[in-house]
Amino acid sequence: MLPFKKNIACIEGRWVQDFTKPNSVAAGLELLQNNKIIRKQCCKNSHFKATTLDLLLEFTQKRYASYSLLYLSFHGEPGAIGLGKERVTLDELEERLAGKLTGKILHFGSCQTVNINKRRLTKFLVTTKAAAVSGFTTDVAFLESTLFDLLYFETCQYRDRVEDIQSDMSTNYGAMSRRLGFRMVIHP
């Protein structure tokens, strides 16, 4: 049994312009959700493709209150994600999500988005009221980072406290965490 089930809302961008190469993290999320064969209960997930910031804001609506993990899977750069043709900065996200992520974990499945000053990430947490923000500080390969994300989300299912999630990731996946530049900042 998973005592701390955390549902995942994934908002994903387009990885390539070529529609014959439909890269997506959706199959990995289905693996987690369909793991009910082994476990009596598992997380559920919702997956959306996004090209505008408006879809991200839908996550803050009451109907998504049972989703405690927000997975933003996009191209990234330090302090920003690529949403369609536009670049959305952490400042813009913070402004739009102010006070709307109470107790939730926000994970950036993107290159370098959290490769910024820890004080800046802490300010983001305080303003949005999120429990934690995580992601990568380096450029990451799609498949390897997606597999790491799944290990992270599975770890989240077994822990109630974000401090325990952070500790487990370091203990169980330390080498991979370091190689990918995984970073998790917890609300002070």
N, C-alpha and C. Protein backbone atom coordinates (compact mmCIF):
# COMPACT_ATOMS: atom_id res chain seq x y z
N MET A 1 0.84 -1.19 0.00
CA MET A 1 0.00 0.00 0.00
C MET A 1 0.87 1.25 0.00
N LEU A 2 0.42 2.26 -0.69
CA LEU A 2 1.16 3.52 -0.75
C LEU A 2 0.52 4.50 0.23
N PRO A 3 1.12 4.68 1.38
CA PRO A 3 0.49 5.49 2.41
C PRO A 3 0.40 6.98 2.10
N PHE A 4 1.21 7.47 1.20
CA PHE A 4 1.23 8.92 0.95
C PHE A 4 0.99 9.21 -0.53
N LYS A 5 -0.02 8.59 -1.09
CA LYS A 5 -0.33 8.73 -2.51
C LYS A 5 -0.38 10.20 -2.92
N LYS A 6 0.38 10.51 -3.96
CA LYS A 6 0.41 11.88 -4.50
C LYS A 6 0.05 11.82 -5.97
N ASN A 7 -1.07 12.39 -6.33
CA ASN A 7 -1.48 12.44 -7.72
C ASN A 7 -0.63 13.45 -8.47
N ILE A 8 -0.41 13.17 -9.74
CA ILE A 8 0.49 13.98 -10.56
C ILE A 8 -0.27 14.64 -11.69
N ALA A 9 -0.14 15.95 -11.79
CA ALA A 9 -0.64 16.69 -12.95
C ALA A 9 0.57 17.07 -13.78
N CYS A 10 0.60 16.59 -15.00
CA CYS A 10 1.73 16.86 -15.89
C CYS A 10 1.28 17.80 -17.01
N ILE A 11 2.03 18.84 -17.18
CA ILE A 11 1.81 19.75 -18.30
C ILE A 11 3.10 19.71 -19.11
N GLU A 12 2.96 19.31 -20.37
CA GLU A 12 4.13 19.05 -21.20
C GLU A 12 4.10 19.90 -22.46
N GLY A 13 5.26 20.37 -22.84
CA GLY A 13 5.40 21.13 -24.07
C GLY A 13 5.74 20.22 -25.23
N ARG A 14 5.87 20.81 -26.40
CA ARG A 14 6.31 20.06 -27.57
C ARG A 14 7.83 19.99 -27.56
N TRP A 15 8.34 18.79 -27.71
CA TRP A 15 9.79 18.60 -27.69
C TRP A 15 10.42 18.84 -29.04
N VAL A 16 9.73 18.47 -30.09
CA VAL A 16 10.24 18.65 -31.45
C VAL A 16 9.12 19.15 -32.35
N GLN A 17 9.48 19.78 -33.43
CA GLN A 17 8.48 20.28 -34.38
C GLN A 17 7.99 19.19 -35.32
N ASP A 18 8.72 18.08 -35.40
CA ASP A 18 8.39 16.98 -36.30
C ASP A 18 7.35 16.07 -35.63
N PHE A 19 6.13 16.05 -36.17
CA PHE A 19 5.06 15.26 -35.57
C PHE A 19 5.24 13.76 -35.73
N THR A 20 6.21 13.33 -36.55
CA THR A 20 6.48 11.90 -36.68
C THR A 20 7.35 11.40 -35.52
N LYS A 21 7.83 12.32 -34.68
CA LYS A 21 8.63 11.97 -33.51
C LYS A 21 7.92 12.50 -32.27
N PRO A 22 6.88 11.78 -31.84
CA PRO A 22 6.05 12.29 -30.74
C PRO A 22 6.64 12.03 -29.36
N ASN A 23 7.80 12.59 -29.06
CA ASN A 23 8.37 12.43 -27.72
C ASN A 23 7.38 12.90 -26.67
N SER A 24 7.23 12.10 -25.61
CA SER A 24 6.31 12.47 -24.54
C SER A 24 6.64 11.68 -23.28
N VAL A 25 6.40 12.30 -22.14
CA VAL A 25 6.58 11.63 -20.85
C VAL A 25 5.33 10.84 -20.46
N ALA A 26 4.28 10.92 -21.28
CA ALA A 26 2.99 10.30 -20.94
C ALA A 26 3.12 8.80 -20.68
N ALA A 27 3.89 8.09 -21.47
CA ALA A 27 4.03 6.64 -21.29
C ALA A 27 4.63 6.31 -19.93
N GLY A 28 5.59 7.10 -19.48
CA GLY A 28 6.17 6.88 -18.16
C GLY A 28 5.16 7.09 -17.05
N LEU A 29 4.35 8.13 -17.18
CA LEU A 29 3.32 8.38 -16.18
C LEU A 29 2.29 7.25 -16.16
N GLU A 30 1.98 6.71 -17.33
CA GLU A 30 1.07 5.56 -17.39
C GLU A 30 1.66 4.36 -16.67
N LEU A 31 2.98 4.16 -16.80
CA LEU A 31 3.64 3.07 -16.09
C LEU A 31 3.43 3.20 -14.58
N LEU A 32 3.61 4.40 -14.05
CA LEU A 32 3.38 4.61 -12.62
C LEU A 32 1.93 4.31 -12.25
N GLN A 33 1.02 4.86 -13.04
CA GLN A 33 -0.40 4.70 -12.73
C GLN A 33 -0.85 3.25 -12.86
N ASN A 34 -0.35 2.56 -13.85
CA ASN A 34 -0.77 1.17 -14.09
C ASN A 34 -0.05 0.17 -13.22
N ASN A 35 0.78 0.62 -12.33
CA ASN A 35 1.53 -0.24 -11.44
C ASN A 35 0.65 -0.85 -10.35
N LYS A 36 -0.63 -0.75 -10.51
CA LYS A 36 -1.58 -1.28 -9.53
C LYS A 36 -1.52 -2.80 -9.42
N ILE A 37 -0.91 -3.45 -10.41
CA ILE A 37 -0.75 -4.91 -10.36
C ILE A 37 0.09 -5.29 -9.15
N ILE A 38 1.08 -4.50 -8.85
CA ILE A 38 1.99 -4.77 -7.74
C ILE A 38 1.47 -4.13 -6.45
N ARG A 39 0.89 -2.98 -6.57
CA ARG A 39 0.44 -2.25 -5.39
C ARG A 39 -1.07 -2.07 -5.43
N LYS A 40 -1.69 -2.10 -4.29
CA LYS A 40 -3.14 -1.99 -4.22
C LYS A 40 -3.65 -0.62 -4.67
N GLN A 41 -2.89 0.40 -4.42
CA GLN A 41 -3.29 1.72 -4.90
C GLN A 41 -2.06 2.45 -5.41
N CYS A 42 -2.28 3.31 -6.34
CA CYS A 42 -1.17 4.04 -6.92
C CYS A 42 -1.67 5.44 -7.25
N CYS A 43 -0.75 6.28 -7.60
CA CYS A 43 -1.12 7.64 -7.96
C CYS A 43 -1.92 7.64 -9.26
N LYS A 44 -2.74 8.63 -9.41
CA LYS A 44 -3.35 8.85 -10.72
C LYS A 44 -2.68 10.07 -11.32
N ASN A 45 -2.77 10.20 -12.61
CA ASN A 45 -2.14 11.35 -13.24
C ASN A 45 -3.04 11.92 -14.32
N SER A 46 -2.82 13.16 -14.59
CA SER A 46 -3.46 13.84 -15.70
C SER A 46 -2.33 14.44 -16.53
N HIS A 47 -2.44 14.30 -17.82
CA HIS A 47 -1.38 14.74 -18.72
C HIS A 47 -1.98 15.67 -19.77
N PHE A 48 -1.37 16.82 -19.95
CA PHE A 48 -1.84 17.79 -20.93
C PHE A 48 -0.66 18.30 -21.74
N LYS A 49 -0.89 18.55 -23.01
CA LYS A 49 0.10 19.24 -23.84
C LYS A 49 -0.25 20.72 -23.80
N ALA A 50 0.73 21.57 -23.64
CA ALA A 50 0.46 23.00 -23.49
C ALA A 50 1.30 23.84 -24.43
N THR A 51 0.69 24.90 -24.92
CA THR A 51 1.44 25.90 -25.68
C THR A 51 1.20 27.30 -25.12
N THR A 52 0.38 27.38 -24.07
CA THR A 52 0.14 28.68 -23.43
C THR A 52 0.18 28.51 -21.91
N LEU A 53 0.38 29.59 -21.24
CA LEU A 53 0.45 29.60 -19.78
C LEU A 53 -0.92 29.35 -19.14
N ASP A 54 -1.99 29.60 -19.88
CA ASP A 54 -3.34 29.44 -19.33
C ASP A 54 -3.61 28.03 -18.81
N LEU A 55 -3.13 27.02 -19.53
CA LEU A 55 -3.34 25.64 -19.09
C LEU A 55 -2.67 25.39 -17.75
N LEU A 56 -1.52 25.96 -17.54
CA LEU A 56 -0.83 25.81 -16.27
C LEU A 56 -1.69 26.36 -15.13
N LEU A 57 -2.36 27.46 -15.38
CA LEU A 57 -3.18 28.07 -14.35
C LEU A 57 -4.41 27.23 -14.00
N GLU A 58 -4.85 26.39 -14.94
CA GLU A 58 -5.98 25.50 -14.65
C GLU A 58 -5.67 24.57 -13.49
N PHE A 59 -4.40 24.18 -13.37
CA PHE A 59 -3.99 23.28 -12.29
C PHE A 59 -4.35 23.84 -10.92
N THR A 60 -4.44 25.15 -10.80
CA THR A 60 -4.71 25.76 -9.50
C THR A 60 -6.21 25.77 -9.17
N GLN A 61 -7.04 25.31 -10.08
CA GLN A 61 -8.48 25.28 -9.82
C GLN A 61 -8.83 24.17 -8.83
N LYS A 62 -9.94 24.35 -8.18
CA LYS A 62 -10.37 23.44 -7.11
C LYS A 62 -10.48 21.99 -7.58
N ARG A 63 -10.87 21.76 -8.82
CA ARG A 63 -11.04 20.38 -9.30
C ARG A 63 -9.73 19.59 -9.32
N TYR A 64 -8.59 20.29 -9.23
CA TYR A 64 -7.29 19.62 -9.20
C TYR A 64 -6.69 19.61 -7.80
N ALA A 65 -7.48 19.84 -6.80
CA ALA A 65 -6.98 19.91 -5.42
C ALA A 65 -6.33 18.61 -4.97
N SER A 66 -6.73 17.47 -5.53
CA SER A 66 -6.16 16.19 -5.11
C SER A 66 -4.80 15.91 -5.75
N TYR A 67 -4.34 16.79 -6.62
CA TYR A 67 -3.04 16.62 -7.28
C TYR A 67 -2.00 17.40 -6.49
N SER A 68 -1.09 16.67 -5.87
CA SER A 68 -0.10 17.34 -5.03
C SER A 68 1.27 17.49 -5.71
N LEU A 69 1.40 16.93 -6.91
CA LEU A 69 2.63 17.07 -7.69
C LEU A 69 2.31 17.72 -9.03
N LEU A 70 2.97 18.81 -9.33
CA LEU A 70 2.83 19.45 -10.63
C LEU A 70 4.14 19.23 -11.37
N TYR A 71 4.06 18.53 -12.50
CA TYR A 71 5.21 18.14 -13.31
C TYR A 71 5.19 18.97 -14.58
N LEU A 72 6.13 19.91 -14.69
CA LEU A 72 6.23 20.75 -15.88
C LEU A 72 7.36 20.21 -16.75
N SER A 73 6.99 19.62 -17.86
CA SER A 73 7.95 18.94 -18.73
C SER A 73 8.10 19.75 -20.02
N PHE A 74 9.17 20.55 -20.08
CA PHE A 74 9.40 21.47 -21.18
C PHE A 74 10.89 21.58 -21.47
N HIS A 75 11.21 22.26 -22.55
CA HIS A 75 12.59 22.71 -22.73
C HIS A 75 12.83 23.77 -21.66
N GLY A 76 14.07 23.92 -21.23
CA GLY A 76 14.34 24.90 -20.19
C GLY A 76 15.69 25.56 -20.33
N GLU A 77 15.86 26.55 -19.50
CA GLU A 77 17.12 27.28 -19.35
C GLU A 77 17.12 27.83 -17.94
N PRO A 78 18.24 28.34 -17.44
CA PRO A 78 18.23 28.83 -16.06
C PRO A 78 17.10 29.85 -15.81
N GLY A 79 16.23 29.50 -14.87
CA GLY A 79 15.15 30.40 -14.46
C GLY A 79 13.99 30.52 -15.43
N ALA A 80 13.86 29.59 -16.38
CA ALA A 80 12.78 29.71 -17.37
C ALA A 80 12.47 28.36 -18.02
N ILE A 81 11.26 28.29 -18.59
CA ILE A 81 10.87 27.15 -19.41
C ILE A 81 10.43 27.68 -20.77
N GLY A 82 10.48 26.81 -21.77
CA GLY A 82 10.02 27.18 -23.10
C GLY A 82 8.62 26.66 -23.31
N LEU A 83 7.68 27.55 -23.41
CA LEU A 83 6.27 27.18 -23.57
C LEU A 83 5.85 27.57 -24.98
N GLY A 84 5.81 26.58 -25.85
CA GLY A 84 5.56 26.89 -27.25
C GLY A 84 6.71 27.73 -27.78
N LYS A 85 6.37 28.85 -28.38
CA LYS A 85 7.41 29.74 -28.91
C LYS A 85 7.83 30.79 -27.89
N GLU A 86 7.13 30.84 -26.77
CA GLU A 86 7.48 31.85 -25.78
C GLU A 86 8.32 31.27 -24.65
N ARG A 87 9.08 32.12 -24.04
CA ARG A 87 9.91 31.80 -22.87
C ARG A 87 9.17 32.33 -21.65
N VAL A 88 8.92 31.45 -20.68
CA VAL A 88 8.21 31.85 -19.46
C VAL A 88 9.21 31.80 -18.32
N THR A 89 9.42 32.91 -17.66
CA THR A 89 10.40 32.99 -16.58
C THR A 89 9.80 32.57 -15.25
N LEU A 90 10.69 32.26 -14.32
CA LEU A 90 10.26 31.93 -12.97
C LEU A 90 9.51 33.11 -12.35
N ASP A 91 9.91 34.32 -12.68
CA ASP A 91 9.20 35.51 -12.19
C ASP A 91 7.75 35.51 -12.65
N GLU A 92 7.52 35.18 -13.93
CA GLU A 92 6.16 35.15 -14.46
C GLU A 92 5.35 34.03 -13.80
N LEU A 93 5.96 32.86 -13.65
CA LEU A 93 5.28 31.76 -12.98
C LEU A 93 4.94 32.12 -11.55
N GLU A 94 5.89 32.73 -10.86
CA GLU A 94 5.67 33.12 -9.47
C GLU A 94 4.51 34.09 -9.34
N GLU A 95 4.46 35.06 -10.23
CA GLU A 95 3.39 36.06 -10.20
C GLU A 95 2.03 35.39 -10.44
N ARG A 96 1.96 34.50 -11.43
CA ARG A 96 0.70 33.85 -11.77
C ARG A 96 0.26 32.82 -10.74
N LEU A 97 1.23 32.20 -10.05
CA LEU A 97 0.92 31.12 -9.10
C LEU A 97 0.99 31.58 -7.65
N ALA A 98 1.09 32.86 -7.41
CA ALA A 98 1.21 33.40 -6.04
C ALA A 98 0.07 32.87 -5.16
N GLY A 99 0.47 32.19 -4.07
CA GLY A 99 -0.49 31.69 -3.09
C GLY A 99 -1.33 30.51 -3.57
N LYS A 100 -1.05 29.95 -4.75
CA LYS A 100 -1.92 28.93 -5.33
C LYS A 100 -1.36 27.50 -5.30
N LEU A 101 -0.17 27.31 -4.75
CA LEU A 101 0.42 25.96 -4.74
C LEU A 101 0.60 25.43 -3.32
N THR A 102 -0.22 25.83 -2.42
CA THR A 102 -0.07 25.46 -1.02
C THR A 102 0.14 23.96 -0.83
N GLY A 103 1.30 23.63 -0.27
CA GLY A 103 1.63 22.26 0.07
C GLY A 103 1.99 21.36 -1.10
N LYS A 104 2.06 21.88 -2.30
CA LYS A 104 2.33 21.06 -3.49
C LYS A 104 3.82 21.05 -3.82
N ILE A 105 4.23 20.04 -4.57
CA ILE A 105 5.59 19.93 -5.08
C ILE A 105 5.54 20.29 -6.56
N LEU A 106 6.39 21.20 -6.96
CA LEU A 106 6.51 21.60 -8.36
C LEU A 106 7.82 21.06 -8.90
N HIS A 107 7.73 20.20 -9.91
CA HIS A 107 8.93 19.61 -10.50
C HIS A 107 9.08 20.07 -11.94
N PHE A 108 10.25 20.64 -12.24
CA PHE A 108 10.58 21.04 -13.59
C PHE A 108 11.34 19.91 -14.27
N GLY A 109 10.70 19.22 -15.19
CA GLY A 109 11.36 18.20 -15.98
C GLY A 109 11.97 18.86 -17.21
N SER A 110 12.93 19.72 -16.98
CA SER A 110 13.51 20.53 -18.05
C SER A 110 14.98 20.81 -17.75
N CYS A 111 15.71 21.10 -18.81
CA CYS A 111 17.13 21.44 -18.66
C CYS A 111 17.31 22.75 -17.90
N GLN A 112 18.13 22.74 -16.88
CA GLN A 112 18.68 23.92 -16.21
C GLN A 112 17.71 24.88 -15.52
N THR A 113 16.43 24.63 -15.51
CA THR A 113 15.48 25.62 -14.98
C THR A 113 15.81 26.01 -13.54
N VAL A 114 16.25 25.06 -12.72
CA VAL A 114 16.55 25.38 -11.32
C VAL A 114 18.04 25.71 -11.11
N ASN A 115 18.75 25.98 -12.18
CA ASN A 115 20.15 26.36 -12.08
C ASN A 115 20.24 27.88 -11.84
N ILE A 116 19.68 28.27 -10.71
CA ILE A 116 19.66 29.67 -10.29
C ILE A 116 19.92 29.72 -8.79
N ASN A 117 20.04 30.90 -8.28
CA ASN A 117 20.33 31.12 -6.87
C ASN A 117 19.26 30.48 -5.98
N LYS A 118 19.71 29.79 -4.94
CA LYS A 118 18.78 29.13 -4.02
C LYS A 118 17.84 30.14 -3.36
N ARG A 119 18.32 31.34 -3.07
CA ARG A 119 17.44 32.37 -2.47
C ARG A 119 16.28 32.69 -3.40
N ARG A 120 16.55 32.69 -4.71
CA ARG A 120 15.50 32.98 -5.68
C ARG A 120 14.44 31.88 -5.68
N LEU A 121 14.89 30.63 -5.59
CA LEU A 121 13.95 29.51 -5.52
C LEU A 121 13.16 29.53 -4.21
N THR A 122 13.81 29.91 -3.13
CA THR A 122 13.13 30.01 -1.85
C THR A 122 12.06 31.09 -1.89
N LYS A 123 12.36 32.21 -2.52
CA LYS A 123 11.36 33.28 -2.69
C LYS A 123 10.17 32.76 -3.48
N PHE A 124 10.44 31.98 -4.52
CA PHE A 124 9.37 31.37 -5.32
C PHE A 124 8.49 30.49 -4.43
N LEU A 125 9.11 29.69 -3.58
CA LEU A 125 8.36 28.82 -2.68
C LEU A 125 7.50 29.62 -1.71
N VAL A 126 8.07 30.65 -1.14
CA VAL A 126 7.33 31.47 -0.18
C VAL A 126 6.14 32.14 -0.85
N THR A 127 6.35 32.70 -2.03
CA THR A 127 5.27 33.41 -2.73
C THR A 127 4.17 32.46 -3.17
N THR A 128 4.53 31.31 -3.72
CA THR A 128 3.52 30.37 -4.24
C THR A 128 2.95 29.46 -3.16
N LYS A 129 3.66 29.39 -2.01
CA LYS A 129 3.31 28.51 -0.89
C LYS A 129 3.50 27.03 -1.20
N ALA A 130 4.30 26.73 -2.23
CA ALA A 130 4.61 25.34 -2.56
C ALA A 130 5.48 24.73 -1.46
N ALA A 131 5.38 23.42 -1.28
CA ALA A 131 6.18 22.72 -0.28
C ALA A 131 7.62 22.55 -0.75
N ALA A 132 7.79 22.36 -2.06
CA ALA A 132 9.13 22.16 -2.61
C ALA A 132 9.11 22.44 -4.11
N VAL A 133 10.29 22.76 -4.61
CA VAL A 133 10.49 22.89 -6.05
C VAL A 133 11.71 22.05 -6.39
N SER A 134 11.65 21.36 -7.53
CA SER A 134 12.75 20.50 -7.92
C SER A 134 12.94 20.55 -9.43
N GLY A 135 14.10 20.03 -9.84
CA GLY A 135 14.40 20.00 -11.27
C GLY A 135 15.88 19.76 -11.47
N PHE A 136 16.36 20.15 -12.64
CA PHE A 136 17.73 19.89 -13.03
C PHE A 136 18.51 21.18 -13.23
N THR A 137 19.78 21.14 -12.88
CA THR A 137 20.66 22.30 -13.04
C THR A 137 21.52 22.20 -14.28
N THR A 138 21.42 21.08 -14.99
CA THR A 138 22.25 20.84 -16.18
C THR A 138 21.36 20.55 -17.38
N ASP A 139 21.99 20.46 -18.55
CA ASP A 139 21.30 19.95 -19.72
C ASP A 139 21.16 18.45 -19.53
N VAL A 140 19.96 17.93 -19.73
CA VAL A 140 19.71 16.51 -19.49
C VAL A 140 19.16 15.86 -20.76
N ALA A 141 19.45 14.59 -20.92
CA ALA A 141 18.91 13.81 -22.03
C ALA A 141 17.46 13.45 -21.72
N PHE A 142 16.62 13.48 -22.73
CA PHE A 142 15.19 13.25 -22.55
C PHE A 142 14.89 11.94 -21.83
N LEU A 143 15.38 10.83 -22.34
CA LEU A 143 15.02 9.53 -21.78
C LEU A 143 15.55 9.36 -20.36
N GLU A 144 16.82 9.68 -20.15
CA GLU A 144 17.39 9.50 -18.81
C GLU A 144 16.70 10.38 -17.78
N SER A 145 16.44 11.63 -18.12
CA SER A 145 15.79 12.52 -17.16
C SER A 145 14.34 12.09 -16.90
N THR A 146 13.67 11.57 -17.92
CA THR A 146 12.31 11.08 -17.73
C THR A 146 12.29 9.87 -16.80
N LEU A 147 13.24 8.97 -16.98
CA LEU A 147 13.34 7.81 -16.09
C LEU A 147 13.63 8.26 -14.66
N PHE A 148 14.51 9.25 -14.51
CA PHE A 148 14.80 9.78 -13.18
C PHE A 148 13.53 10.40 -12.58
N ASP A 149 12.79 11.15 -13.39
CA ASP A 149 11.54 11.75 -12.90
C ASP A 149 10.61 10.67 -12.35
N LEU A 150 10.52 9.54 -13.03
CA LEU A 150 9.64 8.46 -12.57
C LEU A 150 10.12 7.89 -11.24
N LEU A 151 11.44 7.73 -11.08
CA LEU A 151 11.98 7.28 -9.80
C LEU A 151 11.66 8.28 -8.70
N TYR A 152 11.77 9.54 -9.03
CA TYR A 152 11.45 10.62 -8.08
C TYR A 152 9.97 10.56 -7.68
N PHE A 153 9.10 10.44 -8.67
CA PHE A 153 7.67 10.41 -8.38
C PHE A 153 7.29 9.17 -7.57
N GLU A 154 7.95 8.04 -7.86
CA GLU A 154 7.68 6.85 -7.06
C GLU A 154 8.13 7.07 -5.62
N THR A 155 9.29 7.67 -5.43
CA THR A 155 9.77 7.97 -4.08
C THR A 155 8.79 8.87 -3.35
N CYS A 156 8.22 9.82 -4.05
CA CYS A 156 7.22 10.72 -3.45
C CYS A 156 6.01 9.95 -2.91
N GLN A 157 5.70 8.81 -3.52
CA GLN A 157 4.53 8.03 -3.09
C GLN A 157 4.74 7.38 -1.72
N TYR A 158 5.98 7.23 -1.32
CA TYR A 158 6.29 6.54 -0.06
C TYR A 158 6.60 7.47 1.10
N ARG A 159 6.68 8.74 0.83
CA ARG A 159 7.06 9.68 1.88
C ARG A 159 6.05 10.81 2.00
N ASP A 160 5.76 11.18 3.22
CA ASP A 160 4.84 12.28 3.49
C ASP A 160 5.60 13.61 3.53
N ARG A 161 6.75 13.59 4.18
CA ARG A 161 7.52 14.83 4.35
C ARG A 161 8.49 15.03 3.19
N VAL A 162 8.55 16.25 2.68
CA VAL A 162 9.45 16.54 1.56
C VAL A 162 10.92 16.34 1.96
N GLU A 163 11.24 16.55 3.22
CA GLU A 163 12.60 16.32 3.69
C GLU A 163 12.99 14.84 3.52
N ASP A 164 12.03 13.95 3.75
CA ASP A 164 12.29 12.52 3.59
C ASP A 164 12.44 12.14 2.12
N ILE A 165 11.67 12.79 1.26
CA ILE A 165 11.80 12.56 -0.18
C ILE A 165 13.21 12.97 -0.62
N GLN A 166 13.63 14.14 -0.19
CA GLN A 166 14.95 14.66 -0.55
C GLN A 166 16.05 13.71 -0.06
N SER A 167 15.93 13.24 1.16
CA SER A 167 16.91 12.33 1.73
C SER A 167 16.95 11.00 0.97
N ASP A 168 15.78 10.44 0.66
CA ASP A 168 15.71 9.18 -0.07
C ASP A 168 16.32 9.30 -1.46
N MET A 169 16.08 10.41 -2.14
CA MET A 169 16.64 10.60 -3.47
C MET A 169 18.17 10.63 -3.40
N SER A 170 18.69 11.29 -2.39
CA SER A 170 20.14 11.36 -2.23
C SER A 170 20.72 9.98 -1.89
N THR A 171 20.06 9.28 -0.99
CA THR A 171 20.53 7.97 -0.56
C THR A 171 20.44 6.92 -1.67
N ASN A 172 19.28 6.87 -2.34
CA ASN A 172 19.03 5.80 -3.30
C ASN A 172 19.51 6.10 -4.72
N TYR A 173 19.57 7.37 -5.07
CA TYR A 173 19.89 7.73 -6.46
C TYR A 173 20.93 8.85 -6.50
N GLY A 174 21.85 8.84 -5.53
CA GLY A 174 22.83 9.91 -5.40
C GLY A 174 23.68 10.14 -6.63
N ALA A 175 24.24 9.08 -7.21
CA ALA A 175 25.11 9.23 -8.38
C ALA A 175 24.34 9.79 -9.56
N MET A 176 23.14 9.27 -9.78
CA MET A 176 22.32 9.75 -10.90
C MET A 176 21.88 11.20 -10.64
N SER A 177 21.54 11.50 -9.39
CA SER A 177 21.15 12.87 -9.02
C SER A 177 22.26 13.85 -9.34
N ARG A 178 23.48 13.49 -8.97
CA ARG A 178 24.63 14.37 -9.22
C ARG A 178 24.90 14.53 -10.71
N ARG A 179 24.84 13.42 -11.44
CA ARG A 179 25.11 13.46 -12.88
C ARG A 179 24.09 14.35 -13.62
N LEU A 180 22.84 14.28 -13.22
CA LEU A 180 21.79 15.07 -13.87
C LEU A 180 21.66 16.48 -13.28
N GLY A 181 22.35 16.72 -12.17
CA GLY A 181 22.23 18.02 -11.52
C GLY A 181 20.86 18.20 -10.87
N PHE A 182 20.31 17.11 -10.32
CA PHE A 182 19.01 17.19 -9.65
C PHE A 182 19.12 18.07 -8.42
N ARG A 183 18.12 18.91 -8.25
CA ARG A 183 18.10 19.83 -7.10
C ARG A 183 16.68 19.91 -6.57
N MET A 184 16.56 19.85 -5.26
CA MET A 184 15.26 19.99 -4.60
C MET A 184 15.42 21.03 -3.50
N VAL A 185 14.60 22.07 -3.56
CA VAL A 185 14.61 23.11 -2.54
C VAL A 185 13.28 23.04 -1.80
N ILE A 186 13.37 23.03 -0.49
CA ILE A 186 12.20 22.86 0.36
C ILE A 186 11.79 24.20 0.96
N HIS A 187 10.46 24.39 1.08
CA HIS A 187 9.93 25.61 1.69
C HIS A 187 10.51 25.77 3.09
N PRO A 188 10.99 26.98 3.39
CA PRO A 188 11.61 27.18 4.72
C PRO A 188 10.61 27.10 5.87
